[in-house]
């Protein structure tokens, strides 16, 4: 199978040599079973590192959880975590953006009083822990797939008043979230909501996105946007794909992401599309075999 399924992608591949490969996690790098080809990633990093090339996880997920996901490779990759609110290079946090405490309190008050937000699962993602409102035990178990060190305190507003918070993650069972997303983006200055997939909304500082996180990584690694290849599938990946020199959508991506991408892959996340694409790109660019 060729590298791309679009003429534009073929031109990009011939003209550009990319040095930073940034991949969204859920629905992109990870299969629906939350797995990826660790052995292949290990080989790719071994090939990339001596050539001054880098792999980054660009995710709405918590930084601590991402480290756990990558196991012994965790210190060999970079991170744009919390949708850009936390950026890590060379194992060091180089940038973080916290939500204003007054805005968090205002939003939490609305989430528990405004009927449009009824039934919301609420997670405050902080520097050391994630904090969740009291919901069904099965919801807590599911949240632990995405957050390490998850705490269920008696009062979220009290926690928010005294704890640095990067992001508020919201979700509703079996609901369309467009109304809630619209309300957040019009009623709460200083923050914005972005679709995280799985019927969820991530609330982050208005100026934050995965694209701003990539800019911080580019500064740290002395790169330009043209040096970046980014992969995504959902609404919170749009800015990143538009920012990167080459934006790549997996086949299972939503329509706006496919429209924004330079390349649309034939494979889905369940076929390890991202890592296989990077492998093909490197092998064709460097006329070698990575095994």
Protein backbone atom coordinates (compact mmCIF):
# COMPACT_ATOMS: atom_id res chain seq x y z
CA UNK A 1 0.00 0.00 0.00
CA UNK A 2 1.32 3.47 -0.85
CA UNK A 3 2.00 6.16 1.67
CA UNK A 4 -1.01 8.35 0.97
CA UNK A 5 -4.38 8.10 -0.69
CA UNK A 6 -4.33 11.71 -1.93
CA UNK A 7 -2.21 13.55 -4.49
CA UNK A 8 -1.63 16.35 -2.01
CA UNK A 9 -0.27 13.89 0.51
CA UNK A 10 2.16 12.49 -2.06
CA UNK A 11 3.51 15.96 -2.81
CA UNK A 12 3.95 16.66 0.90
CA UNK A 13 5.79 13.40 1.42
CA UNK A 14 8.22 14.11 -1.42
CA UNK A 15 8.97 17.68 -0.41
CA UNK A 16 9.11 17.56 3.38
CA UNK A 17 11.20 15.82 6.02
CA UNK A 18 9.30 15.85 9.30
CA UNK A 19 11.02 15.74 12.67
CA UNK A 20 8.16 15.80 15.17
CA UNK A 21 5.33 13.27 14.94
CA UNK A 22 2.43 14.19 17.25
CA UNK A 23 -0.47 11.79 17.70
CA UNK A 24 -3.77 12.08 19.48
CA UNK A 25 -4.49 9.08 21.69
CA UNK A 26 -8.12 7.88 21.89
CA UNK A 27 -9.51 7.04 18.47
CA UNK A 28 -6.17 7.78 16.78
CA UNK A 29 -3.09 6.06 18.21
CA UNK A 30 -5.08 3.75 20.49
CA UNK A 31 -7.42 1.04 19.25
CA UNK A 32 -10.94 0.84 20.65
CA UNK A 33 -9.52 -1.65 23.16
CA UNK A 34 -7.00 1.01 24.34
CA UNK A 35 -3.99 -0.81 22.91
CA UNK A 36 -1.26 0.09 20.43
CA UNK A 37 1.76 -1.65 18.92
CA UNK A 38 4.33 -0.94 21.64
CA UNK A 39 7.01 -2.99 19.89
CA UNK A 40 6.63 -0.95 16.70
CA UNK A 41 6.74 2.34 18.59
CA UNK A 42 9.91 1.15 20.32
CA UNK A 43 11.54 0.44 16.93
CA UNK A 44 10.42 3.80 15.54
CA UNK A 45 11.82 5.72 18.50
CA UNK A 46 15.12 3.81 18.23
CA UNK A 47 15.30 4.88 14.58
CA UNK A 48 14.23 8.49 15.20
CA UNK A 49 16.28 9.42 18.26
CA UNK A 50 19.78 9.45 16.70
CA UNK A 51 18.35 11.45 13.79
CA UNK A 52 17.07 14.22 16.07
CA UNK A 53 13.42 13.26 15.49
CA UNK A 54 10.72 13.08 18.13
CA UNK A 55 7.41 11.40 18.94
CA UNK A 56 4.79 13.21 21.03
CA UNK A 57 1.47 12.15 22.52
CA UNK A 58 -0.99 15.03 21.99
CA UNK A 59 -4.03 14.26 24.09
CA UNK A 60 -6.80 15.52 26.28
CA UNK A 61 -5.64 12.90 28.78
CA UNK A 62 -3.94 13.56 32.09
CA UNK A 63 -0.11 13.68 31.95
CA UNK A 64 0.23 11.08 34.72
CA UNK A 65 -2.04 8.70 32.83
CA UNK A 66 -0.12 9.16 29.60
CA UNK A 67 3.11 8.25 31.36
CA UNK A 68 1.47 5.03 32.57
CA UNK A 69 0.19 4.26 29.07
CA UNK A 70 3.67 4.40 27.55
CA UNK A 71 5.28 2.36 30.35
CA UNK A 72 9.07 2.17 29.99
CA UNK A 73 8.97 4.45 26.92
CA UNK A 74 7.40 7.29 28.92
CA UNK A 75 10.66 9.24 29.26
CA UNK A 76 11.57 8.84 25.58
CA UNK A 77 8.63 10.80 24.17
CA UNK A 78 7.19 14.29 24.56
CA UNK A 79 3.68 15.19 25.70
CA UNK A 80 1.01 17.73 24.92
CA UNK A 81 -1.39 16.74 27.69
CA UNK A 82 -4.74 18.10 28.89
CA UNK A 83 -5.45 19.40 25.34
CA UNK A 84 -2.40 21.66 25.51
CA UNK A 85 -2.57 22.84 29.13
CA UNK A 86 0.53 20.77 30.05
CA UNK A 87 3.55 20.38 27.76
CA UNK A 88 6.49 18.10 28.55
CA UNK A 89 9.82 17.87 26.72
CA UNK A 90 12.89 15.90 27.77
CA UNK A 91 10.96 14.69 30.82
CA UNK A 92 10.39 18.21 32.13
CA UNK A 93 7.20 20.27 32.26
CA UNK A 94 8.04 23.25 30.05
CA UNK A 95 4.59 24.87 30.06
CA UNK A 96 1.34 24.71 31.99
CA UNK A 97 -1.87 26.75 31.94
CA UNK A 98 -4.27 26.67 34.89
CA UNK A 99 -7.96 27.50 34.81
CA UNK A 100 -8.91 30.66 36.79
CA UNK A 101 -10.39 29.68 40.15
CA UNK A 102 -13.28 32.16 39.87
CA UNK A 103 -14.27 30.72 36.48
CA UNK A 104 -14.12 27.15 37.79
CA UNK A 105 -16.38 28.08 40.71
CA UNK A 106 -18.86 29.81 38.39
CA UNK A 107 -18.95 26.81 36.06
CA UNK A 108 -19.30 24.27 38.88
CA UNK A 109 -22.22 26.28 40.30
CA UNK A 110 -23.94 26.18 36.90
CA UNK A 111 -23.26 22.49 36.42
CA UNK A 112 -25.17 21.67 39.60
CA UNK A 113 -28.05 24.17 39.13
CA UNK A 114 -28.73 24.70 35.41
CA UNK A 115 -31.11 22.01 34.02
CA UNK A 116 -29.21 21.91 30.74
CA UNK A 117 -26.26 20.37 32.61
CA UNK A 118 -28.32 17.88 34.65
CA UNK A 119 -26.65 14.52 35.16
CA UNK A 120 -23.17 15.68 34.25
CA UNK A 121 -20.19 13.58 35.19
CA UNK A 122 -17.57 16.12 36.29
CA UNK A 123 -13.83 15.56 36.56
CA UNK A 124 -11.38 18.25 37.62
CA UNK A 125 -7.96 17.35 36.27
CA UNK A 126 -5.28 18.80 38.52
CA UNK A 127 -1.52 18.86 38.85
CA UNK A 128 -1.34 15.85 41.19
CA UNK A 129 -4.77 14.20 41.13
CA UNK A 130 -8.06 14.10 39.25
CA UNK A 131 -11.25 14.80 41.25
CA UNK A 132 -14.65 13.40 40.31
CA UNK A 133 -18.18 14.13 41.48
CA UNK A 134 -20.17 11.37 43.17
CA UNK A 135 -21.75 9.28 40.42
CA UNK A 136 -22.37 5.58 39.80
CA UNK A 137 -19.52 3.17 40.69
CA UNK A 138 -19.31 2.00 37.08
CA UNK A 139 -18.65 5.62 35.99
CA UNK A 140 -15.76 5.85 38.46
CA UNK A 141 -14.36 2.58 37.12
CA UNK A 142 -14.56 3.89 33.55
CA UNK A 143 -12.89 7.18 34.50
CA UNK A 144 -9.91 5.27 35.85
CA UNK A 145 -9.13 4.23 32.26
CA UNK A 146 -8.25 7.89 31.61
CA UNK A 147 -7.11 9.29 34.97
CA UNK A 148 -4.51 8.01 37.39
CA UNK A 149 -4.85 8.92 41.08
CA UNK A 150 -8.60 9.55 40.85
CA UNK A 151 -10.24 10.98 43.98
CA UNK A 152 -13.98 11.34 44.75
CA UNK A 153 -14.16 14.20 47.29
CA UNK A 154 -17.31 15.32 49.13
CA UNK A 155 -17.23 18.80 47.56
CA UNK A 156 -15.69 19.64 44.18
CA UNK A 157 -16.01 23.40 44.69
CA UNK A 158 -13.95 23.20 47.87
CA UNK A 159 -11.27 21.23 46.01
CA UNK A 160 -11.19 23.73 43.14
CA UNK A 161 -10.75 26.65 45.53
CA UNK A 162 -7.47 25.23 46.82
CA UNK A 163 -6.05 23.11 43.99
CA UNK A 164 -4.40 23.96 40.65
CA UNK A 165 -6.73 22.71 37.90
CA UNK A 166 -5.79 22.31 34.23
CA UNK A 167 -9.05 21.09 32.75
CA UNK A 168 -12.68 20.21 33.53
CA UNK A 169 -13.91 17.07 31.75
CA UNK A 170 -17.68 16.68 31.39
CA UNK A 171 -19.79 13.86 30.02
CA UNK A 172 -23.40 12.75 29.86
CA UNK A 173 -24.67 9.23 29.30
CA UNK A 174 -26.30 8.76 25.92
CA UNK A 175 -26.84 12.46 25.24
CA UNK A 176 -26.06 14.77 22.37
CA UNK A 177 -23.73 17.39 23.87
CA UNK A 178 -24.21 20.24 21.38
CA UNK A 179 -26.49 22.25 23.68
CA UNK A 180 -24.12 21.97 26.61
CA UNK A 181 -21.12 22.81 24.43
CA UNK A 182 -22.86 25.89 23.04
CA UNK A 183 -23.81 27.09 26.54
CA UNK A 184 -20.26 26.71 27.85
CA UNK A 185 -18.76 28.57 24.92
CA UNK A 186 -21.17 31.51 25.22
CA UNK A 187 -21.75 31.87 28.96
CA UNK A 188 -18.27 31.47 30.48
CA UNK A 189 -15.64 34.02 29.36
CA UNK A 190 -12.04 32.92 29.58
CA UNK A 191 -12.68 29.23 28.89
CA UNK A 192 -13.82 27.17 25.95
CA UNK A 193 -15.33 23.75 25.55
CA UNK A 194 -14.09 21.31 22.94
CA UNK A 195 -15.46 17.90 22.00
CA UNK A 196 -13.30 15.12 23.39
CA UNK A 197 -15.18 12.23 21.76
CA UNK A 198 -17.20 9.60 23.64
CA UNK A 199 -19.94 12.22 24.25
CA UNK A 200 -17.61 14.36 26.33
CA UNK A 201 -16.54 17.99 26.62
CA UNK A 202 -13.15 19.23 27.79
CA UNK A 203 -13.20 22.73 29.29
CA UNK A 204 -9.83 24.47 29.06
CA UNK A 205 -8.51 28.04 29.09
CA UNK A 206 -9.70 29.95 26.02
CA UNK A 207 -6.20 30.43 24.60
CA UNK A 208 -5.24 26.75 24.97
CA UNK A 209 -5.37 24.01 22.33
CA UNK A 210 -3.21 21.15 21.15
CA UNK A 211 -1.83 23.60 18.57
CA UNK A 212 -0.58 25.99 21.28
CA UNK A 213 0.97 22.98 23.01
CA UNK A 214 2.76 22.02 19.81
CA UNK A 215 4.10 25.58 19.54
CA UNK A 216 5.71 25.18 22.97
CA UNK A 217 7.27 21.88 21.90
CA UNK A 218 8.52 23.45 18.70
CA UNK A 219 10.21 26.20 20.71
CA UNK A 220 11.84 23.66 23.02
CA UNK A 221 12.99 21.46 20.13
CA UNK A 222 13.95 24.38 17.84
CA UNK A 223 11.44 23.34 15.21
CA UNK A 224 8.94 25.09 12.93
CA UNK A 225 5.33 24.04 12.19
CA UNK A 226 6.52 22.79 8.80
CA UNK A 227 8.63 20.19 10.66
CA UNK A 228 5.56 18.65 12.32
CA UNK A 229 3.29 15.80 11.23
CA UNK A 230 0.16 15.53 13.42
CA UNK A 231 -2.50 12.82 13.60
CA UNK A 232 -6.07 13.11 14.87
CA UNK A 233 -9.68 11.98 14.69
CA UNK A 234 -11.90 14.38 16.66
CA UNK A 235 -12.84 18.01 17.22
CA UNK A 236 -10.09 18.73 19.74
CA UNK A 237 -7.52 17.81 17.07
CA UNK A 238 -8.59 20.37 14.48
CA UNK A 239 -6.30 23.23 15.51
CA UNK A 240 -3.35 20.84 15.75
CA UNK A 241 -3.88 19.39 12.27
CA UNK A 242 -4.27 22.86 10.76
CA UNK A 243 -1.13 24.06 12.54
CA UNK A 244 1.15 21.19 11.53
CA UNK A 245 3.08 21.05 8.30
CA UNK A 246 1.19 17.85 7.54
CA UNK A 247 -2.12 17.04 9.23
CA UNK A 248 -3.18 13.40 8.98
CA UNK A 249 -6.65 12.00 9.71
CA UNK A 250 -7.30 8.35 10.45
CA UNK A 251 -10.11 6.75 8.45
CA UNK A 252 -12.46 6.74 11.46
CA UNK A 253 -12.08 10.52 11.97
CA UNK A 254 -15.12 12.78 11.94
CA UNK A 255 -15.85 14.66 8.72
CA UNK A 256 -14.47 18.09 9.80
CA UNK A 257 -11.14 16.47 10.75
CA UNK A 258 -10.89 14.73 7.38
CA UNK A 259 -11.63 18.04 5.66
CA UNK A 260 -8.91 19.82 7.66
CA UNK A 261 -6.27 17.14 7.03
CA UNK A 262 -3.68 17.08 4.26
CA UNK A 263 -3.79 13.29 4.26
CA UNK A 264 -6.64 10.89 5.05
CA UNK A 265 -5.45 7.37 5.80
CA UNK A 266 -7.21 4.29 4.50
CA UNK A 267 -6.72 2.54 7.85
CA UNK A 268 -8.56 3.16 11.12
CA UNK A 269 -7.21 3.37 14.64
CA UNK A 270 -8.01 -0.33 15.06
CA UNK A 271 -5.39 -1.12 12.40
CA UNK A 272 -2.55 0.78 14.12
CA UNK A 273 -2.86 3.36 11.35
CA UNK A 274 -0.63 6.01 12.94
CA UNK A 275 2.44 3.94 13.69
CA UNK A 276 2.23 2.03 10.42
CA UNK A 277 2.00 5.31 8.51
CA UNK A 278 5.03 6.76 10.33
CA UNK A 279 6.93 3.55 9.60
CA UNK A 280 6.08 3.72 5.87
CA UNK A 281 6.96 7.40 5.74
CA UNK A 282 10.37 6.90 7.39
CA UNK A 283 11.19 3.83 5.33
CA UNK A 284 10.37 5.58 2.05
CA UNK A 285 12.07 8.83 3.04
CA UNK A 286 15.28 7.17 4.26
CA UNK A 287 15.18 4.23 1.82
CA UNK A 288 15.53 1.70 4.61
CA UNK A 289 13.65 -0.97 6.54
CA UNK A 290 12.73 -0.49 10.19
CA UNK A 291 12.59 -3.84 11.94
